[in-house]
């Protein structure tokens, strides 16, 4: 896949010319005449801050100029990101389960194993429905062709833009109210919308509708087993 200008998204053959080790010249975009990707010379922390600020050019750099290239193990990246995504979702569900049932020291190993297996099953089903609804929304709302290569790009964009889930790990060290989990989910949703807008190059309202539908179905699929266990 060709590189992209991070400002206008126009395709470009190369981002820089290297004359000697450490001596490079950044190329300009033929469309907007600006430097195609200035993030090449930036530290990772600057890129990460711009990702948190939801700047589309940071997402173009990460997705098109880093992850979608042939020298990156695309299949391995998708699988590793999907495993991390599911594990973090399972950890989030365990946190909510702990707050709702008030685990005590008397909880047996078999009971804990049953809770973990139930949580992992619910997470798998919820994310499967999320993926189905998301692809359907991309097909109907964004009129995107659902080919295998295209599906992998969209899936990787969703997985990578869900990096806010990593902040759940802080709850292993510090005690936070359950409201923090839902705030993280909102940040994940907004980040997904920006990533899909950059990847699909569609209107913001359509990208927002596609992501909202998928996340709403996932939330519903996650809440139904919990309400069922409470007897509602």
Protein backbone atom coordinates (compact mmCIF):
# COMPACT_ATOMS: atom_id res chain seq x y z
CA UNK A 1 0.00 0.00 0.00
CA UNK A 2 1.25 3.48 -0.83
CA UNK A 3 2.06 6.07 1.78
CA UNK A 4 -0.32 8.94 2.51
CA UNK A 5 0.09 12.62 3.19
CA UNK A 6 -1.01 13.11 6.79
CA UNK A 7 -2.66 16.46 6.03
CA UNK A 8 -4.78 15.75 2.96
CA UNK A 9 -4.58 11.95 2.65
CA UNK A 10 -3.17 12.09 -0.89
CA UNK A 11 -1.09 9.09 -1.97
CA UNK A 12 2.68 9.48 -2.14
CA UNK A 13 5.39 7.03 -3.23
CA UNK A 14 7.97 7.84 -0.56
CA UNK A 15 8.03 9.95 2.58
CA UNK A 16 11.71 10.84 2.67
CA UNK A 17 15.02 10.50 0.88
CA UNK A 18 17.99 9.30 2.91
CA UNK A 19 21.39 10.63 1.84
CA UNK A 20 23.35 9.08 4.71
CA UNK A 21 22.57 7.59 8.16
CA UNK A 22 20.76 10.31 10.11
CA UNK A 23 20.64 12.65 7.10
CA UNK A 24 17.23 12.63 5.43
CA UNK A 25 15.05 15.03 3.49
CA UNK A 26 11.30 14.90 4.00
CA UNK A 27 9.26 14.79 0.80
CA UNK A 28 6.40 17.18 0.03
CA UNK A 29 2.90 16.19 -1.02
CA UNK A 30 2.09 16.82 -4.69
CA UNK A 31 -1.46 17.78 -3.76
CA UNK A 32 -1.20 20.21 -0.82
CA UNK A 33 2.51 21.07 -1.26
CA UNK A 34 3.13 20.55 2.47
CA UNK A 35 5.55 18.08 4.06
CA UNK A 36 3.90 14.71 3.66
CA UNK A 37 4.70 13.34 7.13
CA UNK A 38 6.60 15.40 9.67
CA UNK A 39 5.99 12.75 12.35
CA UNK A 40 8.95 10.81 10.93
CA UNK A 41 11.28 13.10 12.86
CA UNK A 42 9.11 13.21 16.01
CA UNK A 43 9.44 11.23 19.21
CA UNK A 44 6.80 8.59 19.92
CA UNK A 45 5.45 10.56 22.88
CA UNK A 46 4.53 13.48 20.59
CA UNK A 47 2.68 11.11 18.28
CA UNK A 48 0.91 9.52 21.26
CA UNK A 49 -0.21 12.91 22.59
CA UNK A 50 -1.64 13.81 19.17
CA UNK A 51 -3.46 10.47 19.10
CA UNK A 52 -5.01 11.29 22.47
CA UNK A 53 -6.01 14.70 21.07
CA UNK A 54 -7.73 12.84 18.18
CA UNK A 55 -5.79 14.60 15.44
CA UNK A 56 -6.52 12.87 12.10
CA UNK A 57 -2.98 13.43 10.82
CA UNK A 58 -1.58 11.36 13.72
CA UNK A 59 -3.95 8.52 12.81
CA UNK A 60 -2.95 8.74 9.13
CA UNK A 61 0.69 8.48 10.13
CA UNK A 62 0.13 5.48 12.38
CA UNK A 63 -2.27 3.57 10.13
CA UNK A 64 -1.12 4.31 6.58
CA UNK A 65 2.56 5.17 6.97
CA UNK A 66 3.43 2.64 9.69
CA UNK A 67 0.96 -0.26 10.12
CA UNK A 68 -0.49 -0.74 6.63
CA UNK A 69 2.89 -1.16 4.94
CA UNK A 70 4.24 -4.37 3.41
CA UNK A 71 7.26 -4.52 5.74
CA UNK A 72 4.91 -4.93 8.74
CA UNK A 73 3.54 -8.38 9.66
CA UNK A 74 -0.10 -7.50 9.04
CA UNK A 75 -1.57 -10.85 10.11
CA UNK A 76 0.51 -10.96 13.29
CA UNK A 77 -0.43 -7.39 14.15
CA UNK A 78 -4.17 -8.17 13.78
CA UNK A 79 -4.00 -11.31 15.91
CA UNK A 80 -1.89 -9.75 18.67
CA UNK A 81 -4.13 -6.66 18.77
CA UNK A 82 -7.28 -8.81 18.85
CA UNK A 83 -5.96 -10.91 21.76
CA UNK A 84 -5.01 -7.80 23.75
CA UNK A 85 -8.40 -6.26 22.93
CA UNK A 86 -10.31 -9.33 24.21
CA UNK A 87 -8.16 -9.66 27.35
CA UNK A 88 -8.71 -6.00 28.26
CA UNK A 89 -12.45 -6.38 27.64
CA UNK A 90 -12.48 -9.45 29.87
CA UNK A 91 -10.59 -7.57 32.58
CA UNK A 92 -13.11 -4.73 32.36
CA UNK A 93 -15.98 -7.20 32.73
CA UNK A 94 -14.28 -8.79 35.74
CA UNK A 95 -13.97 -5.37 37.36
CA UNK A 96 -17.67 -4.69 36.84
CA UNK A 97 -18.55 -8.19 38.06
CA UNK A 98 -16.46 -7.66 41.19
CA UNK A 99 -18.20 -4.35 41.96
CA UNK A 100 -21.69 -5.78 41.38
CA UNK A 101 -21.27 -9.01 43.38
CA UNK A 102 -18.82 -7.78 46.05
CA UNK A 103 -16.35 -10.63 45.99
CA UNK A 104 -15.14 -11.75 49.39
CA UNK A 105 -12.27 -13.79 50.76
CA UNK A 106 -14.61 -16.81 50.90
CA UNK A 107 -14.84 -17.02 47.10
CA UNK A 108 -13.72 -20.53 46.15
CA UNK A 109 -11.41 -21.37 43.25
CA UNK A 110 -14.18 -23.22 41.41
CA UNK A 111 -16.54 -20.25 41.75
CA UNK A 112 -13.84 -17.89 40.49
CA UNK A 113 -13.15 -20.22 37.55
CA UNK A 114 -16.87 -20.31 36.69
CA UNK A 115 -17.06 -16.49 36.81
CA UNK A 116 -13.99 -16.17 34.56
CA UNK A 117 -15.33 -18.66 32.01
CA UNK A 118 -18.70 -16.88 31.98
CA UNK A 119 -17.01 -13.50 31.53
CA UNK A 120 -14.81 -14.72 28.65
CA UNK A 121 -17.81 -16.26 26.90
CA UNK A 122 -19.84 -13.06 27.25
CA UNK A 123 -16.91 -10.97 25.99
CA UNK A 124 -16.45 -13.22 22.96
CA UNK A 125 -20.14 -13.11 22.03
CA UNK A 126 -20.37 -9.33 22.56
CA UNK A 127 -17.32 -8.66 20.38
CA UNK A 128 -18.54 -11.04 17.69
CA UNK A 129 -21.83 -9.11 17.52
CA UNK A 130 -19.85 -5.85 17.58
CA UNK A 131 -17.82 -6.97 14.55
CA UNK A 132 -20.91 -8.14 12.62
CA UNK A 133 -22.84 -4.93 13.24
CA UNK A 134 -19.79 -2.82 12.49
CA UNK A 135 -19.18 -4.48 9.11
CA UNK A 136 -22.89 -4.24 8.30
CA UNK A 137 -22.89 -0.54 9.20
CA UNK A 138 -19.78 0.03 7.07
CA UNK A 139 -21.55 -1.65 4.17
CA UNK A 140 -24.85 0.22 4.50
CA UNK A 141 -23.87 3.63 5.91
CA UNK A 142 -20.41 4.13 4.45
CA UNK A 143 -20.94 2.07 1.27
CA UNK A 144 -17.59 0.36 1.84
CA UNK A 145 -16.78 -2.82 -0.07
CA UNK A 146 -16.32 -5.66 2.41
CA UNK A 147 -13.37 -7.50 0.90
CA UNK A 148 -10.93 -9.56 2.98
CA UNK A 149 -8.08 -7.06 2.74
CA UNK A 150 -10.45 -4.17 3.43
CA UNK A 151 -11.94 -5.96 6.44
CA UNK A 152 -8.48 -6.51 7.89
CA UNK A 153 -7.62 -2.82 7.50
CA UNK A 154 -10.84 -1.71 9.18
CA UNK A 155 -10.44 -4.28 11.94
CA UNK A 156 -6.86 -3.19 12.64
CA UNK A 157 -7.97 0.45 12.68
CA UNK A 158 -10.61 -0.38 15.31
CA UNK A 159 -8.21 -2.47 17.41
CA UNK A 160 -5.36 0.05 17.35
CA UNK A 161 -7.62 3.02 18.04
CA UNK A 162 -8.93 1.24 21.16
CA UNK A 163 -5.61 1.84 22.92
CA UNK A 164 -7.44 3.73 25.69
CA UNK A 165 -8.37 0.33 27.14
CA UNK A 166 -4.77 0.03 28.34
CA UNK A 167 -5.56 2.60 31.04
CA UNK A 168 -7.73 -0.07 32.69
CA UNK A 169 -4.49 -1.64 33.89
CA UNK A 170 -4.07 1.29 36.27
CA UNK A 171 -7.00 -0.11 38.25
CA UNK A 172 -4.74 -2.98 39.30
CA UNK A 173 -2.73 -0.50 41.35
CA UNK A 174 -5.16 2.27 42.28
CA UNK A 175 -8.81 2.11 43.25
CA UNK A 176 -11.10 4.01 40.89
CA UNK A 177 -14.90 4.18 40.78
CA UNK A 178 -16.73 2.24 38.08
CA UNK A 179 -17.50 5.53 36.34
CA UNK A 180 -13.88 5.62 35.13
CA UNK A 181 -14.52 2.46 33.08
CA UNK A 182 -17.37 4.12 31.19
CA UNK A 183 -15.27 7.26 30.64
CA UNK A 184 -12.59 5.06 29.07
CA UNK A 185 -15.28 3.47 26.87
CA UNK A 186 -16.32 6.94 25.67
CA UNK A 187 -12.72 7.76 24.76
CA UNK A 188 -12.46 4.44 22.89
CA UNK A 189 -15.65 5.24 20.98
CA UNK A 190 -14.45 8.72 19.96
CA UNK A 191 -11.04 7.34 18.96
CA UNK A 192 -12.71 4.62 16.86
CA UNK A 193 -14.75 7.26 15.04
CA UNK A 194 -11.63 9.27 14.11
CA UNK A 195 -9.78 6.13 12.96
CA UNK A 196 -12.69 4.98 10.78
CA UNK A 197 -13.08 8.47 9.30
CA UNK A 198 -9.39 8.47 8.36
CA UNK A 199 -9.52 4.92 6.97
CA UNK A 200 -12.80 5.17 5.06
CA UNK A 201 -12.55 8.88 4.13
CA UNK A 202 -16.29 9.21 4.75
CA UNK A 203 -18.35 11.93 6.41
CA UNK A 204 -18.02 12.28 10.17
CA UNK A 205 -21.73 11.73 10.86
CA UNK A 206 -21.75 8.43 8.94
CA UNK A 207 -18.63 7.21 10.75
CA UNK A 208 -20.20 8.24 14.04
CA UNK A 209 -23.39 6.35 13.20
CA UNK A 210 -21.50 3.17 12.27
CA UNK A 211 -19.42 3.17 15.45
CA UNK A 212 -22.36 4.09 17.69
CA UNK A 213 -24.46 1.21 16.32
CA UNK A 214 -21.68 -1.31 16.86
CA UNK A 215 -20.84 -0.10 20.37
CA UNK A 216 -24.53 0.05 21.35
CA UNK A 217 -25.07 -3.58 20.34
CA UNK A 218 -21.89 -4.60 22.19
CA UNK A 219 -23.03 -2.77 25.34
CA UNK A 220 -26.46 -4.40 25.14
CA UNK A 221 -24.93 -7.85 24.65
CA UNK A 222 -22.71 -7.26 27.69
CA UNK A 223 -25.51 -6.04 29.94
CA UNK A 224 -28.11 -8.70 29.12
CA UNK A 225 -26.29 -11.59 30.91
CA UNK A 226 -25.69 -9.38 33.96
CA UNK A 227 -29.38 -8.38 34.14
CA UNK A 228 -30.36 -12.03 33.61
CA UNK A 229 -28.18 -13.15 36.54
CA UNK A 230 -29.75 -10.46 38.74
CA UNK A 231 -33.22 -11.80 37.92
CA UNK A 232 -34.61 -8.93 35.82
